[in-house]
Amino acid sequence: MRLVPRGRGLRDPHLRDRLYELLEHDPLAYSIGSRFIQIIIGVIVLNVIAMVLASVPELDAQFAVLFSFVSILCVIVFALEYAARLWTVAGHTPRKGSALADRLGYLFSALGIIDLMAFLPAAVVLATGRHATLAALGVLPFFKLIRYSPAMRSLLAAVHAERRALIGCLVILTGAVLTFASLLYAIERDVQPDKLGTIPQAMWWAIVTLGTVGYGDVVPVTALGKVISVFTIISGFAMIALPVAIISTAFAEEVKRRDFVVTWGMLARVPLFSHLAAAEIADIMRLLRARTIEQGEILVRRGDAASSMYFITAGEVEIALPSQHVRLSGGTFFGEIALLHKTKRSGTVTATRKTRLLVLDAQDFHALIARMPTLAAHVHRTAKARLEETGGDLAAAELAQAEREGTDR
């Protein structure tokens, strides 16, 4: 397939849109965007490893040419990526401003600065030939992982959300440092003028003590000074616990918020829930569990007790029935017949590629259809439609098995 229509080249606006989708949007597994992200992450890891190893003199002397090649390759890749992002961002920002305004917004954004710093300092150092400085700058591309790591983005979002509280903690810490440093200065300045003869010198002791590091290079020698040290150490525990508690709580809330958004987006891709109101979807979300299975992994086996219903949000599974194999892809669901008739699985379900699922347990399934008649009717209609399909499928086989077991009992 030719991406660029002949005679239009880079002026084609559709090419810019496609490239923006490739660079910016979170892709599904095994898509072109997914492979692009894997390549960029691989280059980042390669660059960081090479620069870390280059700081070892023995390795640098033996593999200097290889390390230089890796550096040049990474600079080229990151520079091309930066140029592509700068070109494609025009017309794709919420402000809906001019192309120049969109590009300036990216240039001065946090991610734009990180993308620039990933290659510009290294390019300058390569041009000047200062190899030792290059090794020191090699870890800068590591911060590009913020773009591709949900955990790092959630942590930064948590810190940003609690910035006022963290600034308050910094003010409290500064006050504590000044207070304890002033007290120890007043007590110990005549006894240890070389170490505690000024408040700035005493502030070093206060910072080390409040941080519970305790280097031991500056310690009080008077009895009253030691008493002050005890209170400083105890206060240090609070100084550490306060920001840690704030960040950890905010991080947990951010992860929950992100999981909520992700699950909502996954539900939106399932046609079964497309007709439900927002309140009903939120109610269902509390019951569903997200699960990811790798290619070749078996989800359920033939003969297993039916314990869950599954919704495919991305990927594909293959159901091996006694007479045929059936493949189901994103937006479909299976397992409802076995739950409705309380029978065992009639087929083995295997992922043909990496697949994301939403899992609804049997108990929650029955409670859900009992209080949502519209959803129950939709499930029954889908089951009936599957039974009417020629050739049979998972639903028909499971129902036939349920009838046989009912006859045997």
Protein backbone atom coordinates (compact mmCIF):
# COMPACT_ATOMS: atom_id res chain seq x y z
CA MET A 1 0.00 0.00 0.00
CA ARG A 2 1.39 3.41 -0.96
CA LEU A 3 1.11 5.83 1.96
CA VAL A 4 1.71 8.96 -0.11
CA PRO A 5 -0.35 9.55 -3.25
CA ARG A 6 1.89 10.21 -6.23
CA GLY A 7 2.65 13.85 -6.82
CA ARG A 8 1.55 15.10 -3.39
CA GLY A 9 4.30 13.98 -0.98
CA LEU A 10 4.66 15.81 2.33
CA ARG A 11 2.02 18.37 1.35
CA ASP A 12 -0.66 15.73 1.64
CA PRO A 13 -2.67 16.59 4.80
CA HIS A 14 -3.81 13.00 5.11
CA LEU A 15 -0.21 11.85 5.47
CA ARG A 16 0.25 14.25 8.39
CA ASP A 17 -2.94 12.94 10.02
CA ARG A 18 -1.84 9.32 9.61
CA LEU A 19 1.61 10.08 10.97
CA TYR A 20 0.11 11.93 13.94
CA GLU A 21 -2.08 8.92 14.73
CA LEU A 22 1.01 6.73 14.57
CA LEU A 23 3.04 8.98 16.89
CA GLU A 24 0.51 10.14 19.44
CA HIS A 25 -2.34 7.67 19.85
CA ASP A 26 -2.21 4.63 22.08
CA PRO A 27 -2.33 1.77 19.55
CA LEU A 28 -3.75 -1.70 19.84
CA ALA A 29 -1.46 -4.67 20.13
CA TYR A 30 0.30 -5.78 16.95
CA SER A 31 -0.57 -2.59 15.08
CA ILE A 32 1.96 -0.42 13.25
CA GLY A 33 1.81 2.09 16.10
CA SER A 34 2.57 -0.64 18.63
CA ARG A 35 5.64 -1.72 16.69
CA PHE A 36 6.78 1.88 16.35
CA ILE A 37 6.60 2.34 20.12
CA GLN A 38 8.53 -0.89 20.64
CA ILE A 39 11.26 0.38 18.29
CA ILE A 40 11.54 3.74 20.10
CA ILE A 41 11.66 2.06 23.52
CA GLY A 42 14.29 -0.35 22.21
CA VAL A 43 16.41 2.57 20.97
CA ILE A 44 16.05 4.32 24.33
CA VAL A 45 17.16 1.22 26.24
CA LEU A 46 20.04 0.62 23.81
CA ASN A 47 21.21 4.22 24.16
CA VAL A 48 21.13 4.20 27.96
CA ILE A 49 22.94 0.85 28.21
CA ALA A 50 25.61 1.96 25.75
CA MET A 51 26.24 5.21 27.60
CA VAL A 52 26.41 3.47 30.97
CA LEU A 53 28.93 0.94 29.65
CA ALA A 54 30.91 3.70 27.94
CA SER A 55 31.67 5.18 31.36
CA VAL A 56 33.78 2.08 32.17
CA PRO A 57 37.31 2.86 30.87
CA GLU A 58 38.13 -0.76 29.97
CA LEU A 59 34.92 -1.22 27.96
CA ASP A 60 35.21 2.20 26.38
CA ALA A 61 38.73 1.45 25.15
CA GLN A 62 37.60 -1.84 23.62
CA PHE A 63 34.22 -0.83 22.15
CA ALA A 64 34.63 2.92 21.55
CA VAL A 65 33.63 2.64 17.89
CA LEU A 66 30.50 0.65 18.74
CA PHE A 67 29.45 3.12 21.44
CA SER A 68 29.96 6.03 19.04
CA PHE A 69 27.87 4.28 16.38
CA VAL A 70 25.06 3.69 18.89
CA SER A 71 25.18 7.34 19.95
CA ILE A 72 24.97 8.60 16.37
CA LEU A 73 22.16 6.18 15.55
CA CYS A 74 20.13 7.24 18.59
CA VAL A 75 20.66 10.94 17.87
CA ILE A 76 19.39 10.44 14.30
CA VAL A 77 16.35 8.42 15.41
CA PHE A 78 15.35 10.86 18.17
CA ALA A 79 15.92 13.86 15.89
CA LEU A 80 13.72 12.38 13.16
CA GLU A 81 11.02 11.55 15.71
CA TYR A 82 11.18 15.09 17.10
CA ALA A 83 10.91 16.60 13.62
CA ALA A 84 7.95 14.34 12.81
CA ARG A 85 6.12 15.32 16.00
CA LEU A 86 6.81 18.99 15.34
CA TRP A 87 5.40 18.68 11.82
CA THR A 88 2.33 16.61 12.63
CA VAL A 89 1.16 18.49 15.74
CA ALA A 90 -0.25 21.34 13.61
CA GLY A 91 -4.03 21.16 13.64
CA HIS A 92 -4.16 18.47 16.33
CA THR A 93 -4.34 20.50 19.54
CA PRO A 94 -7.46 21.40 21.55
CA ARG A 95 -6.78 25.12 21.07
CA LYS A 96 -7.51 24.92 17.33
CA GLY A 97 -5.03 27.72 16.68
CA SER A 98 -2.63 28.31 13.82
CA ALA A 99 -0.01 25.79 12.79
CA LEU A 100 2.72 28.01 14.22
CA ALA A 101 0.93 28.29 17.58
CA ASP A 102 0.46 24.51 17.74
CA ARG A 103 4.13 23.90 17.02
CA LEU A 104 5.29 26.49 19.52
CA GLY A 105 3.01 24.87 22.09
CA TYR A 106 4.72 21.53 21.50
CA LEU A 107 8.19 23.12 21.55
CA PHE A 108 7.68 24.57 25.02
CA SER A 109 5.63 21.70 26.48
CA ALA A 110 7.18 19.32 28.99
CA LEU A 111 7.18 16.40 26.55
CA GLY A 112 8.53 18.61 23.77
CA ILE A 113 11.45 19.72 25.93
CA ILE A 114 12.15 16.10 26.91
CA ASP A 115 12.10 15.05 23.24
CA LEU A 116 14.53 17.86 22.39
CA MET A 117 16.90 17.13 25.27
CA ALA A 118 16.99 13.46 24.26
CA PHE A 119 19.14 14.24 21.23
CA LEU A 120 20.29 17.90 21.12
CA PRO A 121 22.92 17.81 23.94
CA ALA A 122 24.28 14.51 22.64
CA ALA A 123 24.47 15.93 19.10
CA VAL A 124 26.40 18.96 20.35
CA VAL A 125 28.81 16.76 22.34
CA LEU A 126 29.32 14.47 19.35
CA ALA A 127 30.19 17.50 17.25
CA THR A 128 32.69 18.78 19.84
CA GLY A 129 34.15 15.33 20.54
CA ARG A 130 33.87 15.37 24.35
CA HIS A 131 33.24 11.68 24.85
CA ALA A 132 33.09 11.71 28.66
CA THR A 133 30.38 14.37 28.59
CA LEU A 134 28.46 12.28 26.06
CA ALA A 135 28.37 9.35 28.52
CA ALA A 136 27.01 11.67 31.21
CA LEU A 137 24.24 12.90 28.88
CA GLY A 138 23.34 9.41 27.71
CA VAL A 139 20.71 8.89 30.37
CA LEU A 140 18.63 11.88 29.21
CA PRO A 141 16.67 9.79 26.64
CA PHE A 142 15.46 7.65 29.55
CA PHE A 143 12.96 10.38 30.39
CA LYS A 144 11.30 9.84 27.01
CA LEU A 145 9.76 6.75 28.59
CA ILE A 146 7.36 9.12 30.36
CA ARG A 147 5.47 9.31 27.07
CA TYR A 148 5.12 5.53 26.84
CA SER A 149 4.86 4.52 30.51
CA PRO A 150 1.39 4.88 32.10
CA ALA A 151 2.95 4.42 35.55
CA MET A 152 5.39 7.32 35.09
CA ARG A 153 2.64 9.53 33.66
CA SER A 154 0.40 8.69 36.60
CA LEU A 155 3.17 9.54 39.07
CA LEU A 156 3.83 12.90 37.41
CA ALA A 157 0.10 13.61 37.31
CA ALA A 158 -0.14 12.77 41.01
CA VAL A 159 2.75 15.10 41.87
CA HIS A 160 1.21 17.87 39.76
CA ALA A 161 -2.20 17.41 41.37
CA GLU A 162 -0.71 17.66 44.87
CA ARG A 163 1.83 20.37 44.07
CA ARG A 164 0.31 22.83 46.55
CA ALA A 165 0.43 20.29 49.37
CA LEU A 166 4.01 19.36 48.45
CA ILE A 167 5.02 23.02 48.39
CA GLY A 168 3.46 23.28 51.86
CA CYS A 169 5.61 20.35 52.98
CA LEU A 170 8.68 22.11 51.60
CA VAL A 171 7.81 25.26 53.53
CA ILE A 172 7.35 23.24 56.73
CA LEU A 173 10.67 21.47 56.13
CA THR A 174 12.43 24.80 55.57
CA GLY A 175 10.97 26.13 58.81
CA ALA A 176 12.08 23.04 60.71
CA VAL A 177 15.62 23.30 59.29
CA LEU A 178 15.89 26.96 60.26
CA THR A 179 14.45 26.36 63.72
CA PHE A 180 16.67 23.44 64.70
CA ALA A 181 19.74 24.96 63.04
CA SER A 182 19.26 28.21 64.97
CA LEU A 183 18.83 26.35 68.26
CA LEU A 184 21.94 24.25 67.78
CA TYR A 185 23.91 27.29 66.61
CA ALA A 186 22.99 29.14 69.80
CA ILE A 187 24.00 26.17 71.95
CA GLU A 188 27.12 24.85 70.16
CA ARG A 189 28.69 27.87 68.44
CA ASP A 190 31.20 28.46 71.22
CA VAL A 191 31.97 24.75 71.66
CA GLN A 192 32.37 23.89 67.94
CA PRO A 193 33.01 27.16 66.10
CA ASP A 194 34.56 25.32 63.14
CA LYS A 195 31.46 23.17 62.56
CA LEU A 196 28.53 25.09 64.07
CA GLY A 197 29.90 28.61 64.17
CA THR A 198 27.30 29.95 61.73
CA ILE A 199 23.64 29.22 61.00
CA PRO A 200 24.41 28.03 57.43
CA GLN A 201 26.84 25.48 58.90
CA ALA A 202 24.20 24.38 61.41
CA MET A 203 21.66 24.08 58.58
CA TRP A 204 23.76 21.30 57.04
CA TRP A 205 23.53 19.37 60.31
CA ALA A 206 19.77 20.04 60.49
CA ILE A 207 19.14 18.84 56.94
CA VAL A 208 21.17 15.66 57.42
CA THR A 209 19.49 14.94 60.76
CA LEU A 210 15.94 15.67 59.56
CA GLY A 211 16.59 13.43 56.58
CA THR A 212 17.56 10.64 59.00
CA VAL A 213 20.81 10.21 57.05
CA GLY A 214 23.13 11.05 59.94
CA TYR A 215 26.55 11.26 58.27
CA GLY A 216 28.19 11.92 61.62
CA ASP A 217 30.49 14.62 60.28
CA VAL A 218 28.73 17.21 62.49
CA VAL A 219 27.28 16.13 65.86
CA PRO A 220 26.44 18.04 69.04
CA VAL A 221 28.70 17.50 72.04
CA THR A 222 26.77 19.32 74.77
CA ALA A 223 23.91 17.72 76.70
CA LEU A 224 21.40 20.34 75.59
CA GLY A 225 22.57 19.98 71.99
CA LYS A 226 21.95 16.25 72.16
CA VAL A 227 18.43 16.86 73.47
CA ILE A 228 17.79 19.15 70.50
CA SER A 229 19.11 16.37 68.24
CA VAL A 230 16.58 13.92 69.67
CA PHE A 231 13.67 16.22 68.81
CA THR A 232 15.21 16.87 65.38
CA ILE A 233 15.41 13.15 64.61
CA ILE A 234 11.81 12.56 65.72
CA SER A 235 10.66 15.50 63.60
CA GLY A 236 12.57 14.02 60.69
CA PHE A 237 10.26 11.01 60.64
CA ALA A 238 7.29 13.32 60.17
CA MET A 239 9.12 15.31 57.50
CA ILE A 240 9.63 12.12 55.48
CA ALA A 241 6.23 10.55 56.13
CA LEU A 242 4.21 13.63 55.19
CA PRO A 243 5.20 14.01 51.49
CA VAL A 244 5.41 10.23 51.03
CA ALA A 245 1.82 9.85 52.27
CA ILE A 246 0.63 12.68 50.04
CA ILE A 247 2.31 11.31 46.91
CA SER A 248 1.33 7.67 47.53
CA THR A 249 -2.32 8.56 48.13
CA ALA A 250 -2.44 10.80 45.07
CA PHE A 251 -0.69 8.12 42.98
CA ALA A 252 -3.22 5.49 44.05
CA GLU A 253 -6.09 7.82 43.16
CA GLU A 254 -4.52 8.62 39.80
CA VAL A 255 -4.12 4.92 39.00
CA LYS A 256 -7.77 4.31 39.90
CA ARG A 257 -8.80 7.24 37.72
CA ARG A 258 -6.72 5.97 34.81
CA ASP A 259 -8.08 2.43 35.19
CA PHE A 260 -11.61 3.86 35.22
CA VAL A 261 -10.99 5.72 31.96
CA VAL A 262 -9.33 2.70 30.35
CA THR A 263 -12.15 0.37 31.39
CA TRP A 264 -14.75 2.87 30.20
CA GLY A 265 -13.02 3.03 26.83
CA MET A 266 -12.92 -0.76 26.64
CA LEU A 267 -16.63 -0.97 27.45
CA ALA A 268 -17.41 1.56 24.76
CA ARG A 269 -15.97 -0.84 22.16
CA VAL A 270 -18.35 -3.64 23.19
CA PRO A 271 -21.61 -3.33 21.19
CA LEU A 272 -23.53 -5.10 23.97
CA PHE A 273 -23.14 -2.03 26.22
CA SER A 274 -23.47 0.67 23.55
CA HIS A 275 -27.15 1.31 24.31
CA LEU A 276 -26.73 1.64 28.09
CA ALA A 277 -26.82 4.90 30.01
CA ALA A 278 -23.73 6.28 31.71
CA ALA A 279 -25.01 5.30 35.16
CA GLU A 280 -25.60 1.71 34.00
CA ILE A 281 -22.12 1.48 32.46
CA ALA A 282 -20.59 2.79 35.68
CA ASP A 283 -22.53 0.12 37.57
CA ILE A 284 -21.22 -2.60 35.27
CA MET A 285 -17.65 -1.33 35.53
CA ARG A 286 -17.58 -2.20 39.22
CA LEU A 287 -18.25 -5.83 38.35
CA LEU A 288 -15.82 -6.30 35.46
CA ARG A 289 -12.19 -7.34 35.73
CA ALA A 290 -9.69 -6.45 33.03
CA ARG A 291 -7.44 -9.28 31.88
CA THR A 292 -4.77 -9.60 29.21
CA ILE A 293 -3.71 -12.93 27.72
CA GLU A 294 -0.69 -13.48 25.51
CA GLN A 295 -0.62 -15.16 22.13
CA GLY A 296 -1.03 -18.91 22.49
CA GLU A 297 -2.31 -18.72 26.06
CA ILE A 298 -5.34 -20.91 26.87
CA LEU A 299 -8.17 -19.00 28.52
CA VAL A 300 -10.59 -21.88 29.21
CA ARG A 301 -10.49 -25.59 28.45
CA ARG A 302 -13.20 -27.91 27.26
CA GLY A 303 -14.95 -29.49 30.22
CA ASP A 304 -14.20 -26.64 32.63
CA ALA A 305 -17.03 -25.35 34.76
CA ALA A 306 -18.54 -22.14 33.41
CA SER A 307 -17.47 -19.47 35.89
CA SER A 308 -17.24 -16.30 33.78
CA MET A 309 -18.42 -14.46 30.70
CA TYR A 310 -15.81 -12.76 28.53
CA PHE A 311 -15.85 -9.57 26.44
CA ILE A 312 -13.10 -9.08 23.86
CA THR A 313 -11.99 -5.43 23.66
CA ALA A 314 -8.88 -5.95 21.52
CA GLY A 315 -7.25 -8.96 19.93
CA GLU A 316 -8.65 -12.32 18.86
CA VAL A 317 -9.36 -15.75 20.32
CA GLU A 318 -9.98 -19.13 18.71
CA ILE A 319 -12.55 -21.53 20.12
CA ALA A 320 -11.80 -25.17 19.36
CA LEU A 321 -15.12 -27.06 19.23
CA PRO A 322 -15.49 -30.78 18.56
CA SER A 323 -16.52 -30.16 14.94
CA GLN A 324 -14.93 -26.83 14.02
CA HIS A 325 -12.83 -23.86 15.09
CA VAL A 326 -14.42 -20.45 15.59
CA ARG A 327 -12.56 -17.14 15.80
CA LEU A 328 -13.89 -14.13 17.68
CA SER A 329 -12.34 -10.66 17.56
CA GLY A 330 -12.75 -7.30 19.31
CA GLY A 331 -16.27 -6.21 20.23
CA THR A 332 -17.65 -9.74 20.63
CA PHE A 333 -18.34 -11.76 23.74
CA PHE A 334 -18.72 -15.42 24.60
CA GLY A 335 -19.55 -17.71 27.50
CA GLU A 336 -23.06 -16.42 28.11
CA ILE A 337 -24.81 -19.65 27.08
CA ALA A 338 -22.81 -21.73 29.55
CA LEU A 339 -23.70 -19.29 32.32
CA LEU A 340 -27.37 -19.10 31.39
CA HIS A 341 -27.75 -22.90 31.36
CA LYS A 342 -25.13 -23.60 34.05
CA THR A 343 -23.24 -26.14 32.00
CA LYS A 344 -19.60 -26.86 31.29
CA ARG A 345 -17.46 -25.41 28.53
CA SER A 346 -17.74 -27.24 25.24
CA GLY A 347 -14.66 -25.72 23.64
CA THR A 348 -11.10 -24.70 24.41
CA VAL A 349 -10.46 -20.97 24.00
CA THR A 350 -6.94 -19.89 22.96
CA ALA A 351 -5.62 -16.42 22.15
CA THR A 352 -4.39 -16.18 18.56
CA ARG A 353 -2.63 -12.90 19.46
CA LYS A 354 -2.30 -10.69 22.48
CA THR A 355 -5.86 -10.05 23.65
CA ARG A 356 -7.48 -7.74 26.17
CA LEU A 357 -10.63 -9.00 27.86
CA LEU A 358 -13.21 -7.89 30.37
CA VAL A 359 -14.30 -10.71 32.65
CA LEU A 360 -17.70 -10.94 34.32
CA ASP A 361 -18.00 -13.63 37.01
CA ALA A 362 -21.00 -15.95 37.02
CA GLN A 363 -22.52 -14.60 40.24
CA ASP A 364 -22.23 -11.03 39.02
CA PHE A 365 -23.61 -12.05 35.62
CA HIS A 366 -26.83 -13.45 37.07
CA ALA A 367 -27.23 -10.47 39.42
CA LEU A 368 -26.66 -8.08 36.53
CA ILE A 369 -29.22 -9.52 34.14
CA ALA A 370 -31.69 -9.79 37.01
CA ARG A 371 -31.64 -6.03 37.65
CA MET A 372 -31.12 -4.90 34.04
CA PRO A 373 -33.94 -6.32 31.89
CA THR A 374 -32.73 -4.46 28.79
CA LEU A 375 -29.29 -5.99 29.03
CA ALA A 376 -30.77 -9.42 29.78
CA ALA A 377 -32.97 -9.18 26.68
CA HIS A 378 -29.94 -8.24 24.57
CA VAL A 379 -27.96 -11.23 25.88
CA HIS A 380 -30.85 -13.60 25.17
CA ARG A 381 -31.32 -12.19 21.65
CA THR A 382 -27.62 -12.67 20.94
CA ALA A 383 -27.74 -16.22 22.25
CA LYS A 384 -30.79 -16.99 20.12
CA ALA A 385 -29.12 -15.52 17.03
CA ARG A 386 -26.08 -17.71 17.60
CA LEU A 387 -28.27 -20.78 17.91
CA GLU A 388 -29.91 -20.00 14.58
CA GLU A 389 -26.59 -19.79 12.74
CA THR A 390 -25.96 -22.68 10.42
CA GLY A 391 -23.16 -25.08 11.17
CA GLY A 392 -23.31 -24.65 14.93
CA ASP A 393 -20.96 -22.70 17.17
CA LEU A 394 -19.89 -22.46 20.80
CA ALA A 395 -23.34 -21.42 21.97
CA ALA A 396 -25.10 -24.29 20.22
CA ALA A 397 -22.63 -26.85 21.48
CA GLU A 398 -22.91 -25.59 25.05
CA LEU A 399 -26.70 -25.63 24.91
CA ALA A 400 -26.72 -29.14 23.48
CA GLN A 401 -24.44 -30.26 26.27
CA ALA A 402 -26.73 -28.62 28.84
CA GLU A 403 -29.72 -30.47 27.41
CA ARG A 404 -27.85 -33.79 27.50
CA GLU A 405 -26.82 -33.25 31.11
CA GLY A 406 -30.38 -32.29 32.02
CA THR A 407 -31.66 -35.51 30.40
CA ASP A 408 -29.07 -37.60 32.24
CA ARG A 409 -30.15 -36.14 35.57
